[in-house]
Amino acid sequence: MNPESVFGKVLKALRIKNDISQEELAFRSNLDRTYISMLERGIHQPSLSSLMSIAQAVNIKASDLVRLYEVELGKQISLHEKSNDSEP
């Protein structure tokens, strides 16, 4: 899983946890719904200002959003390394 997809996975999980649609998240963060969709699908990475807006929209600190991303990215790297270790 690439870093963009990992961020998208984290963003979608936060959105669902907050029980809001992509449209509502876009409204709360003053971003376009299609942009939120592209972030969730790993097509784009957010700018710093977008990251701050998204974090505020889901009621967490931007640093916590980045931490969640780093934790999930670490899990994906670990899974990748384990799958490579099992190859002959």
C-alpha atoms as a PDB file:
ATOM      1  CA  MET A   1       0.000   0.000   0.000  1.00  0.00           C
ATOM      2  CA  ASN A   2       1.460   3.368  -0.996  1.00  0.00           C
ATOM      3  CA  PRO A   3       1.585   6.344   1.406  1.00  0.00           C
ATOM      4  CA  GLU A   4      -1.266   8.104  -0.387  1.00  0.00           C
ATOM      5  CA  SER A   5      -3.526   5.096   0.082  1.00  0.00           C
ATOM      6  CA  VAL A   6      -2.576   4.855   3.747  1.00  0.00           C
ATOM      7  CA  PHE A   7      -3.611   8.463   4.342  1.00  0.00           C
ATOM      8  CA  GLY A   8      -6.859   7.780   2.503  1.00  0.00           C
ATOM      9  CA  LYS A   9      -7.553   4.783   4.714  1.00  0.00           C
ATOM     10  CA  VAL A  10      -6.986   6.872   7.854  1.00  0.00           C
ATOM     11  CA  LEU A  11      -9.127   9.724   6.548  1.00  0.00           C
ATOM     12  CA  LYS A  12     -12.009   7.431   5.642  1.00  0.00           C
ATOM     13  CA  ALA A  13     -11.861   5.712   9.037  1.00  0.00           C
ATOM     14  CA  LEU A  14     -11.993   9.083  10.810  1.00  0.00           C
ATOM     15  CA  ARG A  15     -14.874  10.228   8.640  1.00  0.00           C
ATOM     16  CA  ILE A  16     -16.846   7.064   9.335  1.00  0.00           C
ATOM     17  CA  LYS A  17     -16.023   7.245  13.059  1.00  0.00           C
ATOM     18  CA  ASN A  18     -17.472  10.757  13.064  1.00  0.00           C
ATOM     19  CA  ASP A  19     -20.518   9.473  11.163  1.00  0.00           C
ATOM     20  CA  ILE A  20     -20.261  12.054   8.399  1.00  0.00           C
ATOM     21  CA  SER A  21     -20.419  11.812   4.628  1.00  0.00           C
ATOM     22  CA  GLN A  22     -17.733  12.978   2.244  1.00  0.00           C
ATOM     23  CA  GLU A  23     -19.996  15.886   1.427  1.00  0.00           C
ATOM     24  CA  GLU A  24     -20.308  16.875   5.089  1.00  0.00           C
ATOM     25  CA  LEU A  25     -16.568  16.561   5.634  1.00  0.00           C
ATOM     26  CA  ALA A  26     -15.986  18.729   2.576  1.00  0.00           C
ATOM     27  CA  PHE A  27     -18.412  21.335   3.898  1.00  0.00           C
ATOM     28  CA  ARG A  28     -16.863  21.356   7.377  1.00  0.00           C
ATOM     29  CA  SER A  29     -13.337  21.617   6.011  1.00  0.00           C
ATOM     30  CA  ASN A  30     -14.209  24.071   3.214  1.00  0.00           C
ATOM     31  CA  LEU A  31     -12.886  21.643   0.600  1.00  0.00           C
ATOM     32  CA  ASP A  32     -14.525  20.081  -2.442  1.00  0.00           C
ATOM     33  CA  ARG A  33     -16.243  16.713  -2.041  1.00  0.00           C
ATOM     34  CA  THR A  34     -14.404  15.325  -5.055  1.00  0.00           C
ATOM     35  CA  TYR A  35     -11.106  16.312  -3.414  1.00  0.00           C
ATOM     36  CA  ILE A  36     -12.105  14.421  -0.243  1.00  0.00           C
ATOM     37  CA  SER A  37     -12.936  11.437  -2.430  1.00  0.00           C
ATOM     38  CA  MET A  38      -9.560  11.617  -4.185  1.00  0.00           C
ATOM     39  CA  LEU A  39      -7.787  11.806  -0.821  1.00  0.00           C
ATOM     40  CA  GLU A  40      -9.657   8.740   0.437  1.00  0.00           C
ATOM     41  CA  ARG A  41      -8.829   6.816  -2.730  1.00  0.00           C
ATOM     42  CA  GLY A  42      -5.148   7.725  -2.513  1.00  0.00           C
ATOM     43  CA  ILE A  43      -5.120   9.784  -5.684  1.00  0.00           C
ATOM     44  CA  HIS A  44      -3.936  12.945  -3.928  1.00  0.00           C
ATOM     45  CA  GLN A  45      -2.088  13.893  -0.756  1.00  0.00           C
ATOM     46  CA  PRO A  46      -3.357  16.880   1.224  1.00  0.00           C
ATOM     47  CA  SER A  47      -1.559  20.180   1.463  1.00  0.00           C
ATOM     48  CA  LEU A  48      -0.703  21.388   4.942  1.00  0.00           C
ATOM     49  CA  SER A  49      -3.658  23.778   4.942  1.00  0.00           C
ATOM     50  CA  SER A  50      -6.007  20.987   3.803  1.00  0.00           C
ATOM     51  CA  LEU A  51      -4.639  18.693   6.502  1.00  0.00           C
ATOM     52  CA  MET A  52      -5.314  21.382   9.127  1.00  0.00           C
ATOM     53  CA  SER A  53      -8.857  21.944   7.828  1.00  0.00           C
ATOM     54  CA  ILE A  54      -9.640  18.231   7.749  1.00  0.00           C
ATOM     55  CA  ALA A  55      -8.318  17.708  11.277  1.00  0.00           C
ATOM     56  CA  GLN A  56     -10.436  20.560  12.581  1.00  0.00           C
ATOM     57  CA  ALA A  57     -13.482  19.178  10.755  1.00  0.00           C
ATOM     58  CA  VAL A  58     -13.156  15.816  12.543  1.00  0.00           C
ATOM     59  CA  ASN A  59     -12.304  17.434  15.885  1.00  0.00           C
ATOM     60  CA  ILE A  60      -8.702  16.310  16.298  1.00  0.00           C
ATOM     61  CA  LYS A  61      -5.341  18.056  16.267  1.00  0.00           C
ATOM     62  CA  ALA A  62      -3.480  18.013  12.972  1.00  0.00           C
ATOM     63  CA  SER A  63      -0.557  16.407  14.798  1.00  0.00           C
ATOM     64  CA  ASP A  64      -2.863  13.570  15.894  1.00  0.00           C
ATOM     65  CA  LEU A  65      -3.999  13.068  12.306  1.00  0.00           C
ATOM     66  CA  VAL A  66      -0.376  12.829  11.199  1.00  0.00           C
ATOM     67  CA  ARG A  67       0.351  10.429  14.080  1.00  0.00           C
ATOM     68  CA  LEU A  68      -2.545   8.179  13.020  1.00  0.00           C
ATOM     69  CA  TYR A  69      -1.141   8.207   9.497  1.00  0.00           C
ATOM     70  CA  GLU A  70       2.344   7.306  10.763  1.00  0.00           C
ATOM     71  CA  VAL A  71       0.984   4.438  12.873  1.00  0.00           C
ATOM     72  CA  GLU A  72      -0.983   3.021   9.949  1.00  0.00           C
ATOM     73  CA  LEU A  73       1.963   3.477   7.593  1.00  0.00           C
ATOM     74  CA  GLY A  74       4.166   1.603  10.075  1.00  0.00           C
ATOM     75  CA  LYS A  75       1.679  -1.266  10.129  1.00  0.00           C
ATOM     76  CA  GLN A  76       1.698  -1.439   6.330  1.00  0.00           C
ATOM     77  CA  ILE A  77       5.506  -1.411   6.190  1.00  0.00           C
ATOM     78  CA  SER A  78       5.654  -4.152   8.805  1.00  0.00           C
ATOM     79  CA  LEU A  79       3.172  -6.279   6.857  1.00  0.00           C
ATOM     80  CA  HIS A  80       5.179  -5.753   3.678  1.00  0.00           C
ATOM     81  CA  GLU A  81       8.419  -6.760   5.392  1.00  0.00           C
ATOM     82  CA  LYS A  82       6.811  -9.878   6.829  1.00  0.00           C
ATOM     83  CA  SER A  83       5.500 -10.903   3.414  1.00  0.00           C
ATOM     84  CA  ASN A  84       8.974 -10.413   1.935  1.00  0.00           C
ATOM     85  CA  ASP A  85      10.546 -12.496   4.726  1.00  0.00           C
ATOM     86  CA  SER A  86       8.320 -15.431   3.856  1.00  0.00           C
ATOM     87  CA  GLU A  87       9.412 -15.457   0.201  1.00  0.00           C
ATOM     88  CA  PRO A  88      12.117 -18.005  -0.694  1.00  0.00           C
END
